[in-house]
Amino acid sequence: MTLLSLEHVSKRFPAGLDSIPVLEDVELHVEAADFIGVHGERRSGKSILLRIAAGWERPDTGRVTFDGQELWAMSDARRSRMRRNGGVVLASGAWRPPSNKPALRHVQEALACDRVSLREAIEPAHRALERVGLSQHAYSPTDRLSQGELIRLNLALRLIHRPRLLLIDEPAVLLRPSEAASLYELLGELGRDRDLAVVVASEELAPIRMARRRFALDDGALRSMDRPAGQVLEFPDLRGAAR
């Protein structure tokens, strides 16, 4: 079943009297339980691609549909509800906590917009932290967390909403080698979850090495890394070779 579709999506940014193309006629179809990696250099448009897929950024042309519904035909309130209730969420490696609270409290408060009390949110918050390997830091203030731990916390903040599609933007930002290896294993685990589709966009190839399908974003065009002509095929399973 196709969960997310980007059809003929283009985006340009103004530059003086002209404009710069960021995405040109992009096509991407994400299936339920899919695991996709998107590789691109800095400023290649990866972040814009994911923001458009999540309904945070409107494309100049093209259609974006999630679960058969066009995102930009929805009201702002409906798109917001979709992100909180089994829909599509976006996590970023550049995320920074808005306040220095314990990790658990941040995740609890992520449910506040769904009128869930802090007491009711304790158990799901603990489960979300356990899922991303951060249980031991549940009561640690965020200023004591490393960059890799902050990325895990950001993932917990998104996963607590039980999404069907998780978009992850640049998870490889300034990580120590040991943290990077552990985080990439987590991405592989999330990518094997049969109830979750995952799309990871990265400047580095390592975070997407376990993806079942991989694409390259260059000069605004999204092309499969599996075939030069851009044909979308299943990528060989690299999990055994990565162990």
C-alpha atoms as a PDB file:
ATOM      1  CA  MET A   1       0.000   0.000   0.000  1.00  0.00           C
ATOM      2  CA  THR A   2       1.347   3.429  -0.944  1.00  0.00           C
ATOM      3  CA  LEU A   3       1.526   5.614   2.136  1.00  0.00           C
ATOM      4  CA  LEU A   4       3.116   8.801   0.779  1.00  0.00           C
ATOM      5  CA  SER A   5       3.341  10.075  -2.790  1.00  0.00           C
ATOM      6  CA  LEU A   6       5.174  13.069  -4.176  1.00  0.00           C
ATOM      7  CA  GLU A   7       4.159  13.611  -7.792  1.00  0.00           C
ATOM      8  CA  HIS A   8       5.938  16.104 -10.069  1.00  0.00           C
ATOM      9  CA  VAL A   9       6.997  18.174  -7.052  1.00  0.00           C
ATOM     10  CA  SER A  10       9.080  21.283  -7.720  1.00  0.00           C
ATOM     11  CA  LYS A  11      10.331  24.038  -5.425  1.00  0.00           C
ATOM     12  CA  ARG A  12      12.252  27.225  -6.147  1.00  0.00           C
ATOM     13  CA  PHE A  13      13.629  29.876  -3.808  1.00  0.00           C
ATOM     14  CA  PRO A  14      13.865  33.573  -4.724  1.00  0.00           C
ATOM     15  CA  ALA A  15      17.344  34.973  -5.381  1.00  0.00           C
ATOM     16  CA  GLY A  16      17.183  38.658  -6.154  1.00  0.00           C
ATOM     17  CA  LEU A  17      15.284  39.117  -9.411  1.00  0.00           C
ATOM     18  CA  ASP A  18      15.675  35.430 -10.212  1.00  0.00           C
ATOM     19  CA  SER A  19      14.959  32.167  -8.424  1.00  0.00           C
ATOM     20  CA  ILE A  20      16.986  29.058  -7.672  1.00  0.00           C
ATOM     21  CA  PRO A  21      15.551  25.609  -8.369  1.00  0.00           C
ATOM     22  CA  VAL A  22      15.779  23.312  -5.334  1.00  0.00           C
ATOM     23  CA  LEU A  23      13.567  20.428  -6.439  1.00  0.00           C
ATOM     24  CA  GLU A  24      12.652  19.726 -10.068  1.00  0.00           C
ATOM     25  CA  ASP A  25       9.798  17.372 -10.984  1.00  0.00           C
ATOM     26  CA  VAL A  26      10.499  15.004  -8.065  1.00  0.00           C
ATOM     27  CA  GLU A  27       8.652  11.700  -7.864  1.00  0.00           C
ATOM     28  CA  LEU A  28       8.765   9.599  -4.693  1.00  0.00           C
ATOM     29  CA  HIS A  29       6.427   6.878  -3.496  1.00  0.00           C
ATOM     30  CA  VAL A  30       6.773   5.446  -0.010  1.00  0.00           C
ATOM     31  CA  GLU A  31       5.075   2.162   0.782  1.00  0.00           C
ATOM     32  CA  ALA A  32       3.846   1.034   4.182  1.00  0.00           C
ATOM     33  CA  ALA A  33       6.794  -0.373   6.217  1.00  0.00           C
ATOM     34  CA  ASP A  34       9.226   0.968   3.584  1.00  0.00           C
ATOM     35  CA  PHE A  35      12.788   1.969   4.469  1.00  0.00           C
ATOM     36  CA  ILE A  36      14.242   4.577   2.125  1.00  0.00           C
ATOM     37  CA  GLY A  37      17.514   6.466   2.203  1.00  0.00           C
ATOM     38  CA  VAL A  38      18.107   9.760   0.399  1.00  0.00           C
ATOM     39  CA  HIS A  39      21.700  10.872  -0.108  1.00  0.00           C
ATOM     40  CA  GLY A  40      22.640  14.408  -1.048  1.00  0.00           C
ATOM     41  CA  GLU A  41      25.330  16.988  -0.502  1.00  0.00           C
ATOM     42  CA  ARG A  42      24.800  19.958   1.787  1.00  0.00           C
ATOM     43  CA  ARG A  43      22.198  22.346   0.372  1.00  0.00           C
ATOM     44  CA  SER A  44      21.038  19.747  -2.130  1.00  0.00           C
ATOM     45  CA  GLY A  45      17.412  20.140  -1.017  1.00  0.00           C
ATOM     46  CA  LYS A  46      17.127  17.143   1.318  1.00  0.00           C
ATOM     47  CA  SER A  47      15.587  19.139   4.159  1.00  0.00           C
ATOM     48  CA  ILE A  48      13.101  20.837   1.849  1.00  0.00           C
ATOM     49  CA  LEU A  49      12.147  17.458   0.388  1.00  0.00           C
ATOM     50  CA  LEU A  50      11.341  16.094   3.855  1.00  0.00           C
ATOM     51  CA  ARG A  51       9.541  19.258   4.953  1.00  0.00           C
ATOM     52  CA  ILE A  52       7.349  19.019   1.860  1.00  0.00           C
ATOM     53  CA  ALA A  53       6.712  15.323   2.543  1.00  0.00           C
ATOM     54  CA  ALA A  54       5.699  16.150   6.129  1.00  0.00           C
ATOM     55  CA  GLY A  55       3.358  18.948   5.089  1.00  0.00           C
ATOM     56  CA  TRP A  56       5.489  21.693   6.640  1.00  0.00           C
ATOM     57  CA  GLU A  57       6.445  23.290   3.318  1.00  0.00           C
ATOM     58  CA  ARG A  58       4.188  23.818   0.316  1.00  0.00           C
ATOM     59  CA  PRO A  59       5.647  22.840  -3.076  1.00  0.00           C
ATOM     60  CA  ASP A  60       5.445  25.318  -5.934  1.00  0.00           C
ATOM     61  CA  THR A  61       4.025  22.632  -8.205  1.00  0.00           C
ATOM     62  CA  GLY A  62       3.006  19.007  -7.836  1.00  0.00           C
ATOM     63  CA  ARG A  63       0.919  16.924  -5.449  1.00  0.00           C
ATOM     64  CA  VAL A  64       1.744  15.452  -2.055  1.00  0.00           C
ATOM     65  CA  THR A  65      -0.608  12.803  -0.715  1.00  0.00           C
ATOM     66  CA  PHE A  66      -0.502  10.831   2.522  1.00  0.00           C
ATOM     67  CA  ASP A  67      -2.742   7.805   2.876  1.00  0.00           C
ATOM     68  CA  GLY A  68      -4.600   8.924  -0.248  1.00  0.00           C
ATOM     69  CA  GLN A  69      -5.299  12.449   1.026  1.00  0.00           C
ATOM     70  CA  GLU A  70      -3.711  15.513  -0.523  1.00  0.00           C
ATOM     71  CA  LEU A  71      -1.841  17.393   2.218  1.00  0.00           C
ATOM     72  CA  TRP A  72      -2.423  20.863   0.861  1.00  0.00           C
ATOM     73  CA  ALA A  73      -6.133  20.281   0.431  1.00  0.00           C
ATOM     74  CA  MET A  74      -6.287  19.899   4.221  1.00  0.00           C
ATOM     75  CA  SER A  75      -6.712  22.742   6.692  1.00  0.00           C
ATOM     76  CA  ASP A  76      -3.740  23.638   8.894  1.00  0.00           C
ATOM     77  CA  ALA A  77      -5.548  22.117  11.877  1.00  0.00           C
ATOM     78  CA  ARG A  78      -6.142  18.839  10.052  1.00  0.00           C
ATOM     79  CA  ARG A  79      -2.492  18.587   8.969  1.00  0.00           C
ATOM     80  CA  SER A  80      -1.485  19.214  12.574  1.00  0.00           C
ATOM     81  CA  ARG A  81      -3.778  16.430  13.814  1.00  0.00           C
ATOM     82  CA  MET A  82      -2.344  14.098  11.176  1.00  0.00           C
ATOM     83  CA  ARG A  83       1.161  14.604  12.587  1.00  0.00           C
ATOM     84  CA  ARG A  84      -0.037  13.740  16.100  1.00  0.00           C
ATOM     85  CA  ASN A  85      -2.263  10.783  15.356  1.00  0.00           C
ATOM     86  CA  GLY A  86      -0.699   7.927  13.406  1.00  0.00           C
ATOM     87  CA  GLY A  87       0.430  10.106  10.518  1.00  0.00           C
ATOM     88  CA  VAL A  88       3.758  11.479   9.323  1.00  0.00           C
ATOM     89  CA  VAL A  89       6.376  13.058  11.605  1.00  0.00           C
ATOM     90  CA  LEU A  90       9.715  14.746  10.962  1.00  0.00           C
ATOM     91  CA  ALA A  91      12.804  14.455  13.193  1.00  0.00           C
ATOM     92  CA  SER A  92      15.932  16.533  12.643  1.00  0.00           C
ATOM     93  CA  GLY A  93      19.532  16.002  13.694  1.00  0.00           C
ATOM     94  CA  ALA A  94      19.751  19.773  14.193  1.00  0.00           C
ATOM     95  CA  TRP A  95      16.946  19.811  16.793  1.00  0.00           C
ATOM     96  CA  ARG A  96      17.672  21.536  20.075  1.00  0.00           C
ATOM     97  CA  PRO A  97      15.436  21.289  23.184  1.00  0.00           C
ATOM     98  CA  PRO A  98      13.537  24.495  23.946  1.00  0.00           C
ATOM     99  CA  SER A  99      14.268  24.183  27.678  1.00  0.00           C
ATOM    100  CA  ASN A 100      16.586  22.323  30.049  1.00  0.00           C
ATOM    101  CA  LYS A 101      14.170  19.748  31.448  1.00  0.00           C
ATOM    102  CA  PRO A 102      14.626  16.024  32.057  1.00  0.00           C
ATOM    103  CA  ALA A 103      14.305  13.951  28.891  1.00  0.00           C
ATOM    104  CA  LEU A 104      11.197  12.211  30.231  1.00  0.00           C
ATOM    105  CA  ARG A 105       9.401  15.515  30.810  1.00  0.00           C
ATOM    106  CA  HIS A 106      10.053  16.626  27.226  1.00  0.00           C
ATOM    107  CA  VAL A 107       8.448  13.442  25.914  1.00  0.00           C
ATOM    108  CA  GLN A 108       5.535  13.693  28.346  1.00  0.00           C
ATOM    109  CA  GLU A 109       4.821  17.242  27.236  1.00  0.00           C
ATOM    110  CA  ALA A 110       4.784  16.150  23.594  1.00  0.00           C
ATOM    111  CA  LEU A 111       1.410  14.547  24.359  1.00  0.00           C
ATOM    112  CA  ALA A 112      -0.026  17.674  25.968  1.00  0.00           C
ATOM    113  CA  CYS A 113      -1.476  18.865  22.651  1.00  0.00           C
ATOM    114  CA  ASP A 114      -3.608  15.695  22.673  1.00  0.00           C
ATOM    115  CA  ARG A 115      -4.977  16.641  26.114  1.00  0.00           C
ATOM    116  CA  VAL A 116      -3.031  13.889  27.839  1.00  0.00           C
ATOM    117  CA  SER A 117      -2.040  14.722  31.402  1.00  0.00           C
ATOM    118  CA  LEU A 118       1.570  14.435  32.521  1.00  0.00           C
ATOM    119  CA  ARG A 119       0.566  11.552  34.801  1.00  0.00           C
ATOM    120  CA  GLU A 120      -1.098   9.679  31.924  1.00  0.00           C
ATOM    121  CA  ALA A 121       1.893  10.371  29.680  1.00  0.00           C
ATOM    122  CA  ILE A 122       4.491   8.797  31.987  1.00  0.00           C
ATOM    123  CA  GLU A 123       4.172   5.206  30.730  1.00  0.00           C
ATOM    124  CA  PRO A 124       4.083   5.997  26.980  1.00  0.00           C
ATOM    125  CA  ALA A 125       6.976   8.426  27.472  1.00  0.00           C
ATOM    126  CA  HIS A 126       9.055   5.730  29.164  1.00  0.00           C
ATOM    127  CA  ARG A 127       8.233   3.309  26.323  1.00  0.00           C
ATOM    128  CA  ALA A 128       9.279   5.880  23.711  1.00  0.00           C
ATOM    129  CA  LEU A 129      12.596   6.481  25.486  1.00  0.00           C
ATOM    130  CA  GLU A 130      13.192   2.745  25.799  1.00  0.00           C
ATOM    131  CA  ARG A 131      12.518   2.295  22.096  1.00  0.00           C
ATOM    132  CA  VAL A 132      15.304   4.720  21.193  1.00  0.00           C
ATOM    133  CA  GLY A 133      17.745   3.434  23.816  1.00  0.00           C
ATOM    134  CA  LEU A 134      17.515   6.412  26.149  1.00  0.00           C
ATOM    135  CA  SER A 135      15.861   4.870  29.222  1.00  0.00           C
ATOM    136  CA  GLN A 136      18.958   5.368  31.366  1.00  0.00           C
ATOM    137  CA  HIS A 137      18.786   9.124  30.738  1.00  0.00           C
ATOM    138  CA  ALA A 138      15.064   9.548  31.406  1.00  0.00           C
ATOM    139  CA  TYR A 139      15.710  11.900  34.320  1.00  0.00           C
ATOM    140  CA  SER A 140      18.788  13.629  32.902  1.00  0.00           C
ATOM    141  CA  PRO A 141      18.444  17.334  32.043  1.00  0.00           C
ATOM    142  CA  THR A 142      18.957  17.896  28.351  1.00  0.00           C
ATOM    143  CA  ASP A 143      22.088  20.002  28.890  1.00  0.00           C
ATOM    144  CA  ARG A 144      23.780  16.800  30.073  1.00  0.00           C
ATOM    145  CA  LEU A 145      22.916  14.838  26.939  1.00  0.00           C
ATOM    146  CA  SER A 146      25.387  14.315  24.101  1.00  0.00           C
ATOM    147  CA  GLN A 147      24.538  15.160  20.498  1.00  0.00           C
ATOM    148  CA  GLY A 148      23.676  11.531  19.775  1.00  0.00           C
ATOM    149  CA  GLU A 149      21.434  11.371  22.832  1.00  0.00           C
ATOM    150  CA  LEU A 150      19.650  14.554  21.769  1.00  0.00           C
ATOM    151  CA  ILE A 151      18.935  12.969  18.387  1.00  0.00           C
ATOM    152  CA  ARG A 152      17.500   9.916  20.174  1.00  0.00           C
ATOM    153  CA  LEU A 153      15.355  12.196  22.329  1.00  0.00           C
ATOM    154  CA  ASN A 154      14.046  13.944  19.235  1.00  0.00           C
ATOM    155  CA  LEU A 155      13.144  10.541  17.779  1.00  0.00           C
ATOM    156  CA  ALA A 156      11.295   9.657  20.992  1.00  0.00           C
ATOM    157  CA  LEU A 157       9.353  12.929  20.758  1.00  0.00           C
ATOM    158  CA  ARG A 158       8.153  11.909  17.284  1.00  0.00           C
ATOM    159  CA  LEU A 159       7.598   8.213  17.941  1.00  0.00           C
ATOM    160  CA  ILE A 160       5.348   8.853  20.925  1.00  0.00           C
ATOM    161  CA  HIS A 161       2.694   9.962  18.440  1.00  0.00           C
ATOM    162  CA  ARG A 162       2.725   6.438  16.926  1.00  0.00           C
ATOM    163  CA  PRO A 163       3.328   7.603  13.346  1.00  0.00           C
ATOM    164  CA  ARG A 164       3.061   5.415  10.282  1.00  0.00           C
ATOM    165  CA  LEU A 165       5.800   7.402   8.535  1.00  0.00           C
ATOM    166  CA  LEU A 166       8.952   8.721  10.202  1.00  0.00           C
ATOM    167  CA  LEU A 167      11.114  11.201   8.274  1.00  0.00           C
ATOM    168  CA  ILE A 168      14.627  11.769   9.637  1.00  0.00           C
ATOM    169  CA  ASP A 169      16.701  14.714   8.432  1.00  0.00           C
ATOM    170  CA  GLU A 170      20.506  14.529   8.676  1.00  0.00           C
ATOM    171  CA  PRO A 171      21.038  12.231  11.681  1.00  0.00           C
ATOM    172  CA  ALA A 172      24.840  12.245  11.208  1.00  0.00           C
ATOM    173  CA  VAL A 173      25.458  15.794  12.496  1.00  0.00           C
ATOM    174  CA  LEU A 174      28.673  16.060  14.561  1.00  0.00           C
ATOM    175  CA  LEU A 175      28.512  12.587  16.095  1.00  0.00           C
ATOM    176  CA  ARG A 176      31.432  10.790  17.694  1.00  0.00           C
ATOM    177  CA  PRO A 177      32.237   7.517  15.858  1.00  0.00           C
ATOM    178  CA  SER A 178      30.946   5.322  18.694  1.00  0.00           C
ATOM    179  CA  GLU A 179      27.716   7.320  18.943  1.00  0.00           C
ATOM    180  CA  ALA A 180      27.276   7.247  15.184  1.00  0.00           C
ATOM    181  CA  ALA A 181      27.577   3.457  14.929  1.00  0.00           C
ATOM    182  CA  SER A 182      25.052   2.949  17.729  1.00  0.00           C
ATOM    183  CA  LEU A 183      22.606   5.460  16.250  1.00  0.00           C
ATOM    184  CA  TYR A 184      22.799   3.882  12.793  1.00  0.00           C
ATOM    185  CA  GLU A 185      21.963   0.511  14.344  1.00  0.00           C
ATOM    186  CA  LEU A 186      18.873   2.136  15.837  1.00  0.00           C
ATOM    187  CA  LEU A 187      17.891   3.510  12.420  1.00  0.00           C
ATOM    188  CA  GLY A 188      18.208  -0.013  11.031  1.00  0.00           C
ATOM    189  CA  GLU A 189      15.944  -1.349  13.792  1.00  0.00           C
ATOM    190  CA  LEU A 190      13.331   1.322  13.086  1.00  0.00           C
ATOM    191  CA  GLY A 191      13.570   0.520   9.387  1.00  0.00           C
ATOM    192  CA  ARG A 192      12.694  -3.117  10.129  1.00  0.00           C
ATOM    193  CA  ASP A 193       9.547  -2.188  12.064  1.00  0.00           C
ATOM    194  CA  ARG A 194       6.632  -3.575  10.036  1.00  0.00           C
ATOM    195  CA  ASP A 195       4.279  -0.916  11.425  1.00  0.00           C
ATOM    196  CA  LEU A 196       6.493   2.008  10.454  1.00  0.00           C
ATOM    197  CA  ALA A 197       7.821   3.437   7.195  1.00  0.00           C
ATOM    198  CA  VAL A 198      11.118   5.329   7.501  1.00  0.00           C
ATOM    199  CA  VAL A 199      12.813   7.832   5.185  1.00  0.00           C
ATOM    200  CA  VAL A 200      16.300   9.015   6.163  1.00  0.00           C
ATOM    201  CA  ALA A 201      17.993  11.901   4.329  1.00  0.00           C
ATOM    202  CA  SER A 202      21.729  12.252   4.898  1.00  0.00           C
ATOM    203  CA  GLU A 203      24.863  13.884   3.588  1.00  0.00           C
ATOM    204  CA  GLU A 204      26.723  10.733   4.670  1.00  0.00           C
ATOM    205  CA  LEU A 205      26.106   7.266   3.231  1.00  0.00           C
ATOM    206  CA  ALA A 206      26.567   5.414   6.543  1.00  0.00           C
ATOM    207  CA  PRO A 207      23.150   6.347   8.045  1.00  0.00           C
ATOM    208  CA  ILE A 208      21.313   4.916   5.009  1.00  0.00           C
ATOM    209  CA  ARG A 209      23.428   1.819   4.415  1.00  0.00           C
ATOM    210  CA  MET A 210      20.636  -0.485   5.675  1.00  0.00           C
ATOM    211  CA  ALA A 211      17.863   1.164   3.640  1.00  0.00           C
ATOM    212  CA  ARG A 212      16.046  -1.158   1.277  1.00  0.00           C
ATOM    213  CA  ARG A 213      15.840   1.554  -1.391  1.00  0.00           C
ATOM    214  CA  ARG A 214      18.295   4.396  -1.821  1.00  0.00           C
ATOM    215  CA  PHE A 215      18.123   7.585  -3.841  1.00  0.00           C
ATOM    216  CA  ALA A 216      20.454  10.468  -4.627  1.00  0.00           C
ATOM    217  CA  LEU A 217      19.300  14.084  -4.731  1.00  0.00           C
ATOM    218  CA  ASP A 218      21.417  16.214  -7.050  1.00  0.00           C
ATOM    219  CA  ASP A 219      20.657  19.402  -9.014  1.00  0.00           C
ATOM    220  CA  GLY A 220      17.056  19.185  -7.850  1.00  0.00           C
ATOM    221  CA  ALA A 221      16.507  15.714  -9.306  1.00  0.00           C
ATOM    222  CA  LEU A 222      15.844  12.574  -7.267  1.00  0.00           C
ATOM    223  CA  ARG A 223      17.349   9.467  -8.857  1.00  0.00           C
ATOM    224  CA  SER A 224      17.560   5.897  -7.706  1.00  0.00           C
ATOM    225  CA  MET A 225      21.033   4.738  -6.699  1.00  0.00           C
ATOM    226  CA  ASP A 226      20.061   1.219  -7.753  1.00  0.00           C
ATOM    227  CA  ARG A 227      19.954   1.785 -11.502  1.00  0.00           C
ATOM    228  CA  PRO A 228      21.544   4.606 -13.542  1.00  0.00           C
ATOM    229  CA  ALA A 229      18.333   5.203 -15.447  1.00  0.00           C
ATOM    230  CA  GLY A 230      16.453   5.969 -12.262  1.00  0.00           C
ATOM    231  CA  GLN A 231      14.424   2.785 -12.171  1.00  0.00           C
ATOM    232  CA  VAL A 232      13.092   2.127  -8.685  1.00  0.00           C
ATOM    233  CA  LEU A 233      14.047  -1.369  -7.562  1.00  0.00           C
ATOM    234  CA  GLU A 234      14.573  -3.105  -4.252  1.00  0.00           C
ATOM    235  CA  PHE A 235      18.107  -2.534  -2.945  1.00  0.00           C
ATOM    236  CA  PRO A 236      20.020  -5.654  -1.852  1.00  0.00           C
ATOM    237  CA  ASP A 237      19.740  -6.429   1.851  1.00  0.00           C
ATOM    238  CA  LEU A 238      23.006  -5.189   3.391  1.00  0.00           C
ATOM    239  CA  ARG A 239      22.159  -5.965   6.995  1.00  0.00           C
ATOM    240  CA  GLY A 240      24.065  -9.226   7.091  1.00  0.00           C
ATOM    241  CA  ALA A 241      27.153  -7.673   5.542  1.00  0.00           C
ATOM    242  CA  ALA A 242      27.049  -4.757   8.010  1.00  0.00           C
ATOM    243  CA  ARG A 243      27.375  -7.005  11.075  1.00  0.00           C
END
